[in-house]
Amino acid sequence: MKRPFNLVLFISGTGSNARNIVTYFAKHEHIAVLGIISSKENPAIQEYCVDNQLFYAKCTPWDEHEALRLLTHHACDLIVLAGFLRKISAVLLSQYPNRIINIHPSLLPRFGGAGMYGRRVHEAVYASQATETGITIHLVNEHYDEGRILEQHRCQITPSDRIETIEEKVHELEYQCFPPAIERYCLSLQGRL
């Protein structure tokens, strides 16, 4: 029997998207999450990984050579950036061509680029008086938020929405749409779609 398609998640924050992805793939027939690499100290995620039989590694300060060693050791097929705030180097991109997926909390190319992450994005969306926002799931290349777009999902912004409600709507889209998008991309790489 063919082994599962192996994912490793990179995080920099609390790991809420990572937990959601782990839950989604927990009993998947063809795709498995092997572990989480964090660019910051994260005892809660470390404990979560132990409880869910995943490997956990913190690379602080960020050490891409160590991350690459871990990816190779664990036979990683695809890297998922789930709230990861470091730039991916050309070395890692060359080792995982079209095998690094990111999620961005806006409809790229709007509100993307260096320094545009988290609440900053929602503040910019709010300030622009946009009538919609959403998420973009894309492949990673050498430029921030410029890789090939795989999927976009939208939500409406009403006149009564504030930055916090925009952020909540986008988080809900992330939780609903990111894991299935990862699944579709992995299955397409395996020739199962």
N, C-alpha and C. Protein backbone atom coordinates (compact mmCIF):
# COMPACT_ATOMS: atom_id res chain seq x y z
N MET A 1 0.85 -1.19 0.00
CA MET A 1 0.00 0.00 0.00
C MET A 1 0.88 1.24 0.00
N LYS A 2 0.51 2.22 -0.78
CA LYS A 2 1.27 3.46 -0.88
C LYS A 2 1.17 4.25 0.42
N ARG A 3 2.30 4.85 0.84
CA ARG A 3 2.28 5.62 2.08
C ARG A 3 1.48 6.90 1.88
N PRO A 4 1.00 7.49 2.99
CA PRO A 4 0.26 8.75 2.87
C PRO A 4 1.16 9.88 2.37
N PHE A 5 0.53 10.90 1.85
CA PHE A 5 1.19 12.14 1.44
C PHE A 5 1.42 12.94 2.71
N ASN A 6 2.68 13.24 3.02
CA ASN A 6 3.04 13.78 4.33
C ASN A 6 3.12 15.30 4.36
N LEU A 7 2.41 15.89 5.32
CA LEU A 7 2.42 17.34 5.52
C LEU A 7 3.17 17.71 6.79
N VAL A 8 3.88 18.84 6.73
CA VAL A 8 4.44 19.46 7.93
C VAL A 8 3.96 20.90 7.93
N LEU A 9 3.49 21.35 9.10
CA LEU A 9 2.93 22.68 9.24
C LEU A 9 3.95 23.61 9.88
N PHE A 10 4.09 24.81 9.33
CA PHE A 10 4.94 25.86 9.90
C PHE A 10 4.03 26.90 10.53
N ILE A 11 4.34 27.29 11.77
CA ILE A 11 3.55 28.32 12.44
C ILE A 11 4.46 29.35 13.11
N SER A 12 3.89 30.51 13.37
CA SER A 12 4.57 31.54 14.17
C SER A 12 3.69 32.04 15.31
N GLY A 13 2.39 31.74 15.25
CA GLY A 13 1.43 32.26 16.22
C GLY A 13 0.91 31.19 17.15
N THR A 14 -0.38 31.30 17.47
CA THR A 14 -0.99 30.40 18.45
C THR A 14 -1.23 29.00 17.89
N GLY A 15 -1.33 28.89 16.57
CA GLY A 15 -1.52 27.58 15.96
C GLY A 15 -2.96 27.15 15.80
N SER A 16 -3.90 28.09 15.81
CA SER A 16 -5.31 27.70 15.68
C SER A 16 -5.59 27.08 14.31
N ASN A 17 -5.02 27.64 13.25
CA ASN A 17 -5.20 27.03 11.92
C ASN A 17 -4.53 25.66 11.86
N ALA A 18 -3.37 25.54 12.49
CA ALA A 18 -2.66 24.25 12.50
C ALA A 18 -3.50 23.17 13.18
N ARG A 19 -4.09 23.50 14.32
CA ARG A 19 -4.94 22.53 15.03
C ARG A 19 -6.12 22.11 14.15
N ASN A 20 -6.70 23.07 13.47
CA ASN A 20 -7.83 22.79 12.59
C ASN A 20 -7.42 21.84 11.45
N ILE A 21 -6.23 22.06 10.90
CA ILE A 21 -5.72 21.20 9.82
C ILE A 21 -5.44 19.79 10.34
N VAL A 22 -4.83 19.70 11.52
CA VAL A 22 -4.55 18.38 12.11
C VAL A 22 -5.85 17.61 12.31
N THR A 23 -6.87 18.27 12.85
CA THR A 23 -8.17 17.61 13.07
C THR A 23 -8.76 17.13 11.76
N TYR A 24 -8.71 17.97 10.75
CA TYR A 24 -9.29 17.64 9.44
C TYR A 24 -8.66 16.37 8.85
N PHE A 25 -7.34 16.24 8.99
CA PHE A 25 -6.64 15.11 8.35
C PHE A 25 -6.40 13.93 9.30
N ALA A 26 -6.96 13.98 10.49
CA ALA A 26 -6.67 12.95 11.51
C ALA A 26 -6.90 11.53 11.03
N LYS A 27 -7.94 11.31 10.28
CA LYS A 27 -8.26 9.95 9.82
C LYS A 27 -8.28 9.86 8.29
N HIS A 28 -7.53 10.72 7.64
CA HIS A 28 -7.54 10.75 6.18
C HIS A 28 -6.82 9.54 5.62
N GLU A 29 -7.38 8.98 4.56
CA GLU A 29 -6.81 7.77 3.96
C GLU A 29 -5.50 8.03 3.21
N HIS A 30 -5.35 9.23 2.62
CA HIS A 30 -4.22 9.47 1.73
C HIS A 30 -3.26 10.58 2.17
N ILE A 31 -3.64 11.34 3.19
CA ILE A 31 -2.84 12.51 3.61
C ILE A 31 -2.66 12.47 5.12
N ALA A 32 -1.43 12.73 5.58
CA ALA A 32 -1.14 12.71 7.02
C ALA A 32 -0.34 13.94 7.42
N VAL A 33 -0.72 14.54 8.55
CA VAL A 33 0.09 15.60 9.14
C VAL A 33 1.09 14.92 10.07
N LEU A 34 2.37 15.21 9.84
CA LEU A 34 3.43 14.57 10.63
C LEU A 34 3.83 15.40 11.84
N GLY A 35 3.79 16.72 11.69
CA GLY A 35 4.25 17.54 12.80
C GLY A 35 4.16 19.02 12.51
N ILE A 36 4.61 19.78 13.51
CA ILE A 36 4.55 21.24 13.46
C ILE A 36 5.91 21.80 13.82
N ILE A 37 6.37 22.74 12.99
CA ILE A 37 7.60 23.48 13.27
C ILE A 37 7.20 24.92 13.55
N SER A 38 7.62 25.43 14.70
CA SER A 38 7.26 26.79 15.11
C SER A 38 8.49 27.68 15.12
N SER A 39 8.30 28.92 14.63
CA SER A 39 9.40 29.88 14.67
C SER A 39 9.47 30.61 16.00
N LYS A 40 8.53 30.29 16.91
CA LYS A 40 8.50 30.90 18.24
C LYS A 40 8.24 29.82 19.28
N GLU A 41 8.65 30.11 20.49
CA GLU A 41 8.36 29.22 21.63
C GLU A 41 6.84 29.05 21.74
N ASN A 42 6.36 27.80 21.86
CA ASN A 42 4.92 27.57 21.91
C ASN A 42 4.62 26.31 22.72
N PRO A 43 4.66 26.41 24.07
CA PRO A 43 4.42 25.23 24.91
C PRO A 43 3.05 24.58 24.69
N ALA A 44 2.03 25.38 24.40
CA ALA A 44 0.69 24.81 24.19
C ALA A 44 0.66 23.92 22.95
N ILE A 45 1.30 24.37 21.87
CA ILE A 45 1.35 23.55 20.65
C ILE A 45 2.25 22.34 20.86
N GLN A 46 3.31 22.51 21.61
CA GLN A 46 4.19 21.37 21.91
C GLN A 46 3.39 20.28 22.62
N GLU A 47 2.61 20.67 23.60
CA GLU A 47 1.78 19.71 24.33
C GLU A 47 0.72 19.09 23.40
N TYR A 48 0.13 19.92 22.56
CA TYR A 48 -0.86 19.45 21.60
C TYR A 48 -0.25 18.38 20.68
N CYS A 49 0.97 18.62 20.23
CA CYS A 49 1.65 17.65 19.36
C CYS A 49 1.89 16.33 20.08
N VAL A 50 2.32 16.40 21.33
CA VAL A 50 2.52 15.18 22.11
C VAL A 50 1.21 14.41 22.22
N ASP A 51 0.12 15.12 22.55
CA ASP A 51 -1.19 14.50 22.71
C ASP A 51 -1.69 13.87 21.41
N ASN A 52 -1.27 14.42 20.27
CA ASN A 52 -1.75 13.95 18.97
C ASN A 52 -0.71 13.15 18.19
N GLN A 53 0.35 12.75 18.87
CA GLN A 53 1.40 11.91 18.29
C GLN A 53 2.01 12.52 17.04
N LEU A 54 2.32 13.82 17.13
CA LEU A 54 2.99 14.55 16.06
C LEU A 54 4.35 14.99 16.56
N PHE A 55 5.29 15.18 15.65
CA PHE A 55 6.56 15.76 16.10
C PHE A 55 6.37 17.27 16.23
N TYR A 56 7.11 17.85 17.15
CA TYR A 56 7.11 19.30 17.35
C TYR A 56 8.54 19.78 17.40
N ALA A 57 8.82 20.88 16.73
CA ALA A 57 10.15 21.48 16.81
C ALA A 57 10.00 22.99 16.83
N LYS A 58 10.76 23.62 17.70
CA LYS A 58 10.82 25.08 17.67
C LYS A 58 12.17 25.46 17.11
N CYS A 59 12.17 26.36 16.18
CA CYS A 59 13.40 26.85 15.58
C CYS A 59 13.50 28.34 15.93
N THR A 60 13.99 28.60 17.14
CA THR A 60 14.14 29.99 17.60
C THR A 60 15.59 30.20 18.04
N PRO A 61 16.30 31.15 17.46
CA PRO A 61 15.83 31.95 16.33
C PRO A 61 15.63 31.05 15.10
N TRP A 62 14.89 31.56 14.11
CA TRP A 62 14.54 30.75 12.95
C TRP A 62 15.79 30.19 12.29
N ASP A 63 15.80 28.89 12.09
CA ASP A 63 16.94 28.19 11.51
C ASP A 63 16.41 27.29 10.38
N GLU A 64 16.48 27.80 9.17
CA GLU A 64 15.91 27.06 8.05
C GLU A 64 16.68 25.78 7.75
N HIS A 65 17.98 25.76 8.04
CA HIS A 65 18.75 24.53 7.82
C HIS A 65 18.25 23.41 8.74
N GLU A 66 17.94 23.77 9.98
CA GLU A 66 17.39 22.78 10.91
C GLU A 66 16.00 22.35 10.46
N ALA A 67 15.20 23.30 10.01
CA ALA A 67 13.86 22.97 9.50
C ALA A 67 13.97 22.00 8.32
N LEU A 68 14.89 22.26 7.41
CA LEU A 68 15.07 21.40 6.24
C LEU A 68 15.53 20.00 6.65
N ARG A 69 16.40 19.94 7.65
CA ARG A 69 16.84 18.64 8.16
C ARG A 69 15.65 17.85 8.69
N LEU A 70 14.77 18.52 9.44
CA LEU A 70 13.59 17.85 10.00
C LEU A 70 12.63 17.41 8.89
N LEU A 71 12.44 18.26 7.90
CA LEU A 71 11.55 17.93 6.78
C LEU A 71 12.05 16.69 6.05
N THR A 72 13.35 16.63 5.83
CA THR A 72 13.96 15.48 5.15
C THR A 72 13.85 14.23 6.00
N HIS A 73 14.16 14.36 7.28
CA HIS A 73 14.10 13.24 8.21
C HIS A 73 12.71 12.62 8.27
N HIS A 74 11.69 13.47 8.23
CA HIS A 74 10.31 12.99 8.35
C HIS A 74 9.64 12.72 7.00
N ALA A 75 10.41 12.78 5.92
CA ALA A 75 9.89 12.50 4.57
C ALA A 75 8.67 13.36 4.24
N CYS A 76 8.84 14.67 4.46
CA CYS A 76 7.76 15.62 4.18
C CYS A 76 7.57 15.78 2.67
N ASP A 77 6.30 15.76 2.25
CA ASP A 77 5.97 15.97 0.84
C ASP A 77 5.51 17.39 0.56
N LEU A 78 4.89 18.03 1.55
CA LEU A 78 4.32 19.36 1.35
C LEU A 78 4.39 20.15 2.65
N ILE A 79 4.80 21.41 2.55
CA ILE A 79 4.84 22.31 3.70
C ILE A 79 3.60 23.20 3.64
N VAL A 80 2.94 23.34 4.78
CA VAL A 80 1.78 24.23 4.88
C VAL A 80 2.13 25.35 5.85
N LEU A 81 2.08 26.59 5.37
CA LEU A 81 2.31 27.74 6.23
C LEU A 81 0.96 28.13 6.83
N ALA A 82 0.83 27.93 8.12
CA ALA A 82 -0.44 28.17 8.82
C ALA A 82 -0.21 29.26 9.87
N GLY A 83 -0.14 30.50 9.38
CA GLY A 83 0.18 31.60 10.29
C GLY A 83 1.67 31.68 10.53
N PHE A 84 2.44 31.51 9.49
CA PHE A 84 3.90 31.54 9.57
C PHE A 84 4.39 32.88 9.03
N LEU A 85 5.23 33.57 9.79
CA LEU A 85 5.57 34.95 9.47
C LEU A 85 7.00 35.17 9.00
N ARG A 86 7.69 34.11 8.64
CA ARG A 86 9.06 34.26 8.15
C ARG A 86 9.06 34.10 6.62
N LYS A 87 10.03 34.77 5.99
CA LYS A 87 10.16 34.62 4.54
C LYS A 87 10.84 33.28 4.23
N ILE A 88 10.32 32.60 3.24
CA ILE A 88 10.89 31.31 2.82
C ILE A 88 12.04 31.59 1.86
N SER A 89 13.18 30.97 2.11
CA SER A 89 14.38 31.23 1.31
C SER A 89 14.36 30.47 -0.02
N ALA A 90 15.24 30.90 -0.91
CA ALA A 90 15.38 30.23 -2.21
C ALA A 90 15.81 28.77 -2.03
N VAL A 91 16.58 28.49 -0.99
CA VAL A 91 17.03 27.11 -0.74
C VAL A 91 15.84 26.20 -0.46
N LEU A 92 14.97 26.63 0.44
CA LEU A 92 13.80 25.81 0.76
C LEU A 92 12.84 25.72 -0.43
N LEU A 93 12.68 26.82 -1.15
CA LEU A 93 11.83 26.81 -2.35
C LEU A 93 12.36 25.82 -3.38
N SER A 94 13.68 25.73 -3.52
CA SER A 94 14.26 24.81 -4.51
C SER A 94 14.09 23.35 -4.08
N GLN A 95 14.05 23.11 -2.76
CA GLN A 95 13.86 21.75 -2.26
C GLN A 95 12.40 21.31 -2.33
N TYR A 96 11.49 22.30 -2.29
CA TYR A 96 10.05 22.01 -2.31
C TYR A 96 9.35 22.86 -3.37
N PRO A 97 9.72 22.69 -4.65
CA PRO A 97 9.09 23.49 -5.71
C PRO A 97 7.60 23.16 -5.83
N ASN A 98 6.77 24.18 -5.78
CA ASN A 98 5.31 24.01 -5.84
C ASN A 98 4.79 23.09 -4.74
N ARG A 99 5.54 23.02 -3.64
CA ARG A 99 5.17 22.14 -2.53
C ARG A 99 5.11 22.91 -1.20
N ILE A 100 4.92 24.24 -1.28
CA ILE A 100 4.73 25.06 -0.08
C ILE A 100 3.47 25.90 -0.30
N ILE A 101 2.49 25.69 0.58
CA ILE A 101 1.21 26.40 0.47
C ILE A 101 1.09 27.40 1.62
N ASN A 102 0.55 28.57 1.30
CA ASN A 102 0.30 29.60 2.30
C ASN A 102 -1.17 30.02 2.23
N ILE A 103 -1.64 30.59 3.32
CA ILE A 103 -2.96 31.22 3.34
C ILE A 103 -2.76 32.68 3.70
N HIS A 104 -3.44 33.55 2.99
CA HIS A 104 -3.36 34.99 3.26
C HIS A 104 -4.76 35.51 3.53
N PRO A 105 -4.91 36.38 4.55
CA PRO A 105 -6.26 36.82 4.95
C PRO A 105 -6.82 38.00 4.16
N SER A 106 -6.66 37.96 2.84
CA SER A 106 -7.31 38.94 1.97
C SER A 106 -7.40 38.33 0.58
N LEU A 107 -8.05 39.05 -0.31
CA LEU A 107 -8.16 38.61 -1.70
C LEU A 107 -6.99 39.19 -2.47
N LEU A 108 -5.92 38.43 -2.54
CA LEU A 108 -4.72 38.90 -3.25
C LEU A 108 -5.07 39.16 -4.71
N PRO A 109 -4.43 40.13 -5.35
CA PRO A 109 -3.23 40.84 -4.90
C PRO A 109 -3.49 42.01 -3.94
N ARG A 110 -4.75 42.30 -3.62
CA ARG A 110 -5.03 43.40 -2.70
C ARG A 110 -4.58 43.04 -1.29
N PHE A 111 -3.99 44.00 -0.61
CA PHE A 111 -3.63 43.90 0.80
C PHE A 111 -2.63 42.77 1.08
N GLY A 112 -1.68 42.61 0.16
CA GLY A 112 -0.63 41.62 0.35
C GLY A 112 0.73 42.28 0.36
N GLY A 113 1.76 41.48 0.51
CA GLY A 113 3.13 41.97 0.45
C GLY A 113 3.80 42.02 1.81
N ALA A 114 5.02 42.48 1.83
CA ALA A 114 5.81 42.54 3.06
C ALA A 114 5.09 43.36 4.12
N GLY A 115 5.04 42.84 5.32
CA GLY A 115 4.43 43.54 6.44
C GLY A 115 2.93 43.41 6.53
N MET A 116 2.30 42.79 5.52
CA MET A 116 0.84 42.65 5.53
C MET A 116 0.48 41.26 6.05
N TYR A 117 0.17 41.19 7.33
CA TYR A 117 -0.24 39.93 7.95
C TYR A 117 -1.15 40.24 9.13
N GLY A 118 -1.93 39.25 9.52
CA GLY A 118 -2.78 39.37 10.70
C GLY A 118 -3.69 40.58 10.68
N ARG A 119 -3.79 41.22 11.82
CA ARG A 119 -4.71 42.34 11.98
C ARG A 119 -4.38 43.51 11.05
N ARG A 120 -3.13 43.66 10.68
CA ARG A 120 -2.75 44.74 9.75
C ARG A 120 -3.56 44.66 8.45
N VAL A 121 -3.78 43.45 7.98
CA VAL A 121 -4.54 43.25 6.75
C VAL A 121 -5.98 43.71 6.95
N HIS A 122 -6.59 43.30 8.05
CA HIS A 122 -7.99 43.65 8.31
C HIS A 122 -8.15 45.15 8.52
N GLU A 123 -7.17 45.78 9.14
CA GLU A 123 -7.20 47.24 9.30
C GLU A 123 -7.16 47.94 7.95
N ALA A 124 -6.32 47.43 7.05
CA ALA A 124 -6.22 48.02 5.70
C ALA A 124 -7.50 47.81 4.91
N VAL A 125 -8.10 46.63 5.03
CA VAL A 125 -9.36 46.35 4.36
C VAL A 125 -10.44 47.30 4.87
N TYR A 126 -10.51 47.45 6.19
CA TYR A 126 -11.51 48.34 6.80
C TYR A 126 -11.31 49.79 6.35
N ALA A 127 -10.06 50.24 6.37
CA ALA A 127 -9.75 51.63 5.98
C ALA A 127 -10.09 51.90 4.52
N SER A 128 -10.03 50.87 3.68
CA SER A 128 -10.30 51.04 2.25
C SER A 128 -11.80 51.11 1.94
N GLN A 129 -12.62 50.79 2.95
CA GLN A 129 -14.08 50.73 2.77
C GLN A 129 -14.49 49.69 1.72
N ALA A 130 -13.73 48.62 1.64
CA ALA A 130 -14.05 47.52 0.72
C ALA A 130 -15.40 46.91 1.10
N THR A 131 -16.11 46.38 0.12
CA THR A 131 -17.39 45.73 0.38
C THR A 131 -17.27 44.21 0.50
N GLU A 132 -16.06 43.70 0.21
CA GLU A 132 -15.82 42.27 0.41
C GLU A 132 -14.35 42.05 0.74
N THR A 133 -14.09 40.93 1.37
CA THR A 133 -12.73 40.49 1.64
C THR A 133 -12.76 38.97 1.56
N GLY A 134 -11.75 38.34 2.08
CA GLY A 134 -11.74 36.88 2.03
C GLY A 134 -10.36 36.33 2.30
N ILE A 135 -10.11 35.16 1.75
CA ILE A 135 -8.82 34.49 1.91
C ILE A 135 -8.29 34.06 0.55
N THR A 136 -6.98 33.97 0.48
CA THR A 136 -6.31 33.46 -0.71
C THR A 136 -5.40 32.32 -0.28
N ILE A 137 -5.55 31.18 -0.91
CA ILE A 137 -4.68 30.03 -0.69
C ILE A 137 -3.79 29.95 -1.92
N HIS A 138 -2.48 30.04 -1.70
CA HIS A 138 -1.57 30.13 -2.83
C HIS A 138 -0.28 29.39 -2.58
N LEU A 139 0.40 29.08 -3.67
CA LEU A 139 1.74 28.50 -3.56
C LEU A 139 2.72 29.62 -3.22
N VAL A 140 3.79 29.25 -2.57
CA VAL A 140 4.79 30.23 -2.15
C VAL A 140 5.89 30.31 -3.20
N ASN A 141 6.28 31.53 -3.52
CA ASN A 141 7.46 31.75 -4.36
C ASN A 141 8.40 32.71 -3.64
N GLU A 142 9.35 33.29 -4.36
CA GLU A 142 10.37 34.12 -3.71
C GLU A 142 9.86 35.49 -3.27
N HIS A 143 8.64 35.85 -3.64
CA HIS A 143 8.08 37.15 -3.26
C HIS A 143 6.88 36.97 -2.34
N TYR A 144 6.77 37.85 -1.35
CA TYR A 144 5.63 37.77 -0.43
C TYR A 144 4.31 37.81 -1.19
N ASP A 145 3.48 36.81 -0.96
CA ASP A 145 2.09 36.78 -1.44
C ASP A 145 1.93 36.89 -2.95
N GLU A 146 2.92 36.44 -3.71
CA GLU A 146 2.82 36.54 -5.17
C GLU A 146 2.82 35.19 -5.87
N GLY A 147 2.81 34.09 -5.12
CA GLY A 147 2.80 32.77 -5.74
C GLY A 147 1.47 32.46 -6.40
N ARG A 148 1.45 31.41 -7.21
CA ARG A 148 0.24 31.04 -7.96
C ARG A 148 -0.93 30.79 -7.03
N ILE A 149 -2.04 31.46 -7.33
CA ILE A 149 -3.25 31.33 -6.51
C ILE A 149 -3.93 30.01 -6.83
N LEU A 150 -4.22 29.24 -5.77
CA LEU A 150 -4.95 27.98 -5.92
C LEU A 150 -6.45 28.20 -5.75
N GLU A 151 -6.82 28.96 -4.72
CA GLU A 151 -8.23 29.21 -4.44
C GLU A 151 -8.39 30.54 -3.73
N GLN A 152 -9.54 31.17 -3.93
CA GLN A 152 -9.94 32.33 -3.15
C GLN A 152 -11.37 32.12 -2.69
N HIS A 153 -11.64 32.56 -1.48
CA HIS A 153 -12.99 32.46 -0.91
C HIS A 153 -13.35 33.83 -0.33
N ARG A 154 -14.59 34.26 -0.58
CA ARG A 154 -14.99 35.63 -0.27
C ARG A 154 -16.03 35.69 0.85
N CYS A 155 -16.05 36.84 1.52
CA CYS A 155 -17.13 37.16 2.43
C CYS A 155 -17.44 38.65 2.28
N GLN A 156 -18.70 38.99 2.54
CA GLN A 156 -19.15 40.38 2.39
C GLN A 156 -18.79 41.18 3.64
N ILE A 157 -18.56 42.47 3.41
CA ILE A 157 -18.37 43.40 4.52
C ILE A 157 -19.57 44.34 4.52
N THR A 158 -20.24 44.42 5.65
CA THR A 158 -21.40 45.30 5.77
C THR A 158 -20.98 46.63 6.39
N PRO A 159 -21.80 47.68 6.24
CA PRO A 159 -21.45 48.97 6.83
C PRO A 159 -21.28 48.93 8.35
N SER A 160 -21.93 47.96 9.00
CA SER A 160 -21.80 47.87 10.47
C SER A 160 -20.57 47.08 10.92
N ASP A 161 -19.87 46.43 10.00
CA ASP A 161 -18.68 45.66 10.38
C ASP A 161 -17.56 46.58 10.86
N ARG A 162 -16.85 46.09 11.85
CA ARG A 162 -15.65 46.75 12.37
C ARG A 162 -14.46 45.83 12.09
N ILE A 163 -13.29 46.28 12.44
CA ILE A 163 -12.08 45.48 12.19
C ILE A 163 -12.22 44.09 12.83
N GLU A 164 -12.74 44.05 14.06
CA GLU A 164 -12.87 42.77 14.77
C GLU A 164 -13.84 41.83 14.06
N THR A 165 -14.95 42.35 13.56
CA THR A 165 -15.92 41.47 12.89
C THR A 165 -15.40 41.01 11.53
N ILE A 166 -14.65 41.87 10.86
CA ILE A 166 -14.01 41.46 9.59
C ILE A 166 -13.03 40.32 9.87
N GLU A 167 -12.24 40.49 10.92
CA GLU A 167 -11.27 39.47 11.30
C GLU A 167 -11.98 38.14 11.62
N GLU A 168 -13.09 38.19 12.34
CA GLU A 168 -13.84 36.98 12.68
C GLU A 168 -14.37 36.28 11.43
N LYS A 169 -14.91 37.07 10.50
CA LYS A 169 -15.42 36.48 9.26
C LYS A 169 -14.31 35.78 8.48
N VAL A 170 -13.14 36.40 8.43
CA VAL A 170 -12.02 35.82 7.69
C VAL A 170 -11.51 34.57 8.39
N HIS A 171 -11.42 34.60 9.72
CA HIS A 171 -11.01 33.39 10.45
C HIS A 171 -11.97 32.23 10.18
N GLU A 172 -13.25 32.51 10.14
CA GLU A 172 -14.24 31.47 9.86
C GLU A 172 -14.00 30.87 8.47
N LEU A 173 -13.72 31.72 7.50
CA LEU A 173 -13.41 31.23 6.15
C LEU A 173 -12.15 30.35 6.17
N GLU A 174 -11.14 30.79 6.92
CA GLU A 174 -9.90 30.01 7.01
C GLU A 174 -10.19 28.61 7.53
N TYR A 175 -10.94 28.54 8.63
CA TYR A 175 -11.22 27.24 9.24
C TYR A 175 -12.03 26.35 8.31
N GLN A 176 -12.98 26.93 7.59
CA GLN A 176 -13.83 26.14 6.70
C GLN A 176 -13.11 25.72 5.42
N CYS A 177 -12.32 26.62 4.85
CA CYS A 177 -11.84 26.43 3.47
C CYS A 177 -10.39 25.98 3.32
N PHE A 178 -9.54 26.27 4.30
CA PHE A 178 -8.11 25.96 4.13
C PHE A 178 -7.86 24.45 4.09
N PRO A 179 -8.35 23.66 5.06
CA PRO A 179 -8.06 22.22 4.99
C PRO A 179 -8.55 21.54 3.71
N PRO A 180 -9.79 21.79 3.25
CA PRO A 180 -10.21 21.15 1.99
C PRO A 180 -9.38 21.59 0.79
N ALA A 181 -8.91 22.85 0.81
CA ALA A 181 -8.06 23.32 -0.30
C ALA A 181 -6.73 22.59 -0.29
N ILE A 182 -6.16 22.38 0.88
CA ILE A 182 -4.92 21.61 1.00
C ILE A 182 -5.16 20.19 0.48
N GLU A 183 -6.27 19.61 0.90
CA GLU A 183 -6.62 18.25 0.47
C GLU A 183 -6.72 18.16 -1.06
N ARG A 184 -7.43 19.10 -1.68
CA ARG A 184 -7.58 19.07 -3.14
C ARG A 184 -6.22 19.17 -3.82
N TYR A 185 -5.35 20.05 -3.31
CA TYR A 185 -4.05 20.22 -3.95
C TYR A 185 -3.21 18.94 -3.78
N CYS A 186 -3.20 18.37 -2.59
CA CYS A 186 -2.44 17.13 -2.36
C CYS A 186 -2.94 15.99 -3.24
N LEU A 187 -4.25 15.84 -3.34
CA LEU A 187 -4.81 14.77 -4.16
C LEU A 187 -4.50 14.99 -5.64
N SER A 188 -4.48 16.26 -6.07
CA SER A 188 -4.13 16.54 -7.47
C SER A 188 -2.66 16.18 -7.73
N LEU A 189 -1.79 16.45 -6.75
CA LEU A 189 -0.37 16.07 -6.92
C LEU A 189 -0.20 14.55 -6.96
N GLN A 190 -1.06 13.84 -6.26
CA GLN A 190 -1.01 12.38 -6.24
C GLN A 190 -1.71 11.75 -7.43
N GLY A 191 -2.35 12.59 -8.26
CA GLY A 191 -3.11 12.05 -9.38
C GLY A 191 -4.42 11.43 -8.98
N ARG A 192 -4.96 11.83 -7.84
CA ARG A 192 -6.21 11.26 -7.34
C ARG A 192 -7.41 12.13 -7.68
N LEU A 193 -7.19 13.29 -8.31
CA LEU A 193 -8.30 14.16 -8.71
C LEU A 193 -8.42 14.20 -10.22
